[in-house]
C-alpha atoms as a PDB file:
ATOM      1  CA  MET A   1      54.754 -53.273 120.329  1.00  0.00           C
ATOM      2  CA  GLU A   2      52.915 -50.220 118.984  1.00  0.00           C
ATOM      3  CA  GLN A   3      49.537 -49.507 120.520  1.00  0.00           C
ATOM      4  CA  ALA A   4      46.524 -48.621 118.421  1.00  0.00           C
ATOM      5  CA  GLN A   5      45.347 -45.008 118.665  1.00  0.00           C
ATOM      6  CA  PRO A   6      42.020 -44.923 120.556  1.00  0.00           C
ATOM      7  CA  SER A   7      38.950 -43.495 118.860  1.00  0.00           C
ATOM      8  CA  PRO A   8      38.330 -39.816 119.772  1.00  0.00           C
ATOM      9  CA  LEU A   9      35.060 -40.925 121.512  1.00  0.00           C
ATOM     10  CA  SER A  10      36.374 -44.132 123.048  1.00  0.00           C
ATOM     11  CA  PRO A  11      35.339 -44.469 125.802  1.00  0.00           C
ATOM     12  CA  PHE A  12      32.252 -42.471 124.998  1.00  0.00           C
ATOM     13  CA  VAL A  13      31.852 -39.307 127.030  1.00  0.00           C
ATOM     14  CA  PRO A  14      28.528 -37.575 127.451  1.00  0.00           C
ATOM     15  CA  VAL A  15      29.793 -34.025 127.172  1.00  0.00           C
ATOM     16  CA  MET A  16      32.572 -32.296 125.342  1.00  0.00           C
ATOM     17  CA  HIS A  17      34.257 -28.802 125.231  1.00  0.00           C
ATOM     18  CA  ARG A  18      33.275 -26.695 122.258  1.00  0.00           C
ATOM     19  CA  GLU A  19      36.912 -26.473 121.093  1.00  0.00           C
ATOM     20  CA  ARG A  20      37.327 -30.293 121.049  1.00  0.00           C
ATOM     21  CA  PHE A  21      33.929 -30.692 119.281  1.00  0.00           C
ATOM     22  CA  ALA A  22      35.106 -28.269 116.561  1.00  0.00           C
ATOM     23  CA  GLU A  23      38.374 -30.122 116.210  1.00  0.00           C
ATOM     24  CA  LEU A  24      36.755 -33.498 115.836  1.00  0.00           C
ATOM     25  CA  THR A  25      33.997 -32.379 113.431  1.00  0.00           C
ATOM     26  CA  GLY A  26      36.253 -30.098 111.339  1.00  0.00           C
ATOM     27  CA  ILE A  27      33.791 -27.269 111.762  1.00  0.00           C
ATOM     28  CA  PRO A  28      35.473 -23.913 112.713  1.00  0.00           C
ATOM     29  CA  PHE A  29      35.185 -23.004 116.361  1.00  0.00           C
ATOM     30  CA  GLY A  30      33.452 -19.727 115.565  1.00  0.00           C
ATOM     31  CA  VAL A  31      30.647 -21.632 113.792  1.00  0.00           C
ATOM     32  CA  ILE A  32      30.354 -24.085 116.740  1.00  0.00           C
ATOM     33  CA  ASP A  33      30.273 -21.175 119.116  1.00  0.00           C
ATOM     34  CA  GLY A  34      27.484 -19.428 117.151  1.00  0.00           C
ATOM     35  CA  TRP A  35      25.452 -22.652 117.029  1.00  0.00           C
ATOM     36  CA  VAL A  36      25.781 -22.981 120.829  1.00  0.00           C
ATOM     37  CA  ASN A  37      24.819 -19.329 121.348  1.00  0.00           C
ATOM     38  CA  ARG A  38      21.709 -19.746 119.149  1.00  0.00           C
ATOM     39  CA  GLY A  39      20.701 -22.949 120.827  1.00  0.00           C
ATOM     40  CA  TYR A  40      21.348 -25.173 117.802  1.00  0.00           C
ATOM     41  CA  LEU A  41      23.600 -27.408 119.864  1.00  0.00           C
ATOM     42  CA  PRO A  42      22.474 -28.656 123.247  1.00  0.00           C
ATOM     43  CA  THR A  43      24.710 -27.685 126.126  1.00  0.00           C
ATOM     44  CA  ILE A  44      25.063 -28.197 129.854  1.00  0.00           C
ATOM     45  CA  ILE A  45      26.884 -25.986 132.321  1.00  0.00           C
ATOM     46  CA  ILE A  46      29.153 -27.813 134.774  1.00  0.00           C
ATOM     47  CA  GLY A  47      30.851 -25.374 137.073  1.00  0.00           C
ATOM     48  CA  LYS A  48      32.244 -22.576 134.939  1.00  0.00           C
ATOM     49  CA  HIS A  49      32.253 -24.699 131.778  1.00  0.00           C
ATOM     50  CA  ARG A  50      29.589 -24.821 129.030  1.00  0.00           C
ATOM     51  CA  LEU A  51      29.891 -28.199 127.401  1.00  0.00           C
ATOM     52  CA  ILE A  52      28.102 -29.701 124.458  1.00  0.00           C
ATOM     53  CA  ASN A  53      25.694 -32.392 125.559  1.00  0.00           C
ATOM     54  CA  LEU A  54      26.504 -35.273 123.188  1.00  0.00           C
ATOM     55  CA  VAL A  55      23.842 -37.499 124.574  1.00  0.00           C
ATOM     56  CA  GLU A  56      21.048 -35.018 123.808  1.00  0.00           C
ATOM     57  CA  LEU A  57      22.642 -34.257 120.418  1.00  0.00           C
ATOM     58  CA  THR A  58      22.710 -37.986 119.575  1.00  0.00           C
ATOM     59  CA  GLN A  59      19.086 -38.428 120.667  1.00  0.00           C
ATOM     60  CA  THR A  60      17.992 -35.539 118.435  1.00  0.00           C
ATOM     61  CA  CYS A  61      19.817 -37.035 115.520  1.00  0.00           C
ATOM     62  CA  ILE A  62      18.234 -40.442 116.015  1.00  0.00           C
ATOM     63  CA  GLU A  63      14.735 -38.907 116.343  1.00  0.00           C
ATOM     64  CA  GLN A  64      15.259 -37.080 113.032  1.00  0.00           C
ATOM     65  CA  LEU A  65      16.111 -40.272 111.062  1.00  0.00           C
ATOM     66  CA  PRO A  66      13.597 -41.104 108.359  1.00  0.00           C
ATOM     67  CA  ARG A  67      11.267 -43.863 109.399  1.00  0.00           C
END
């Protein structure tokens, strides 16, 4: 029996590498890297890795929804 392919965010993870984020969004890595360096995307540093903070990004998106 063939298994269904899991969603890229299932189970949801609170952080993600910039490369994977670029892959999933279809936005070139250079653009993502620039947005991170300019502070447009929230990040968190864990050890030597700078990861995109998906929880904070989601919160920002929700707050910017029209009311």
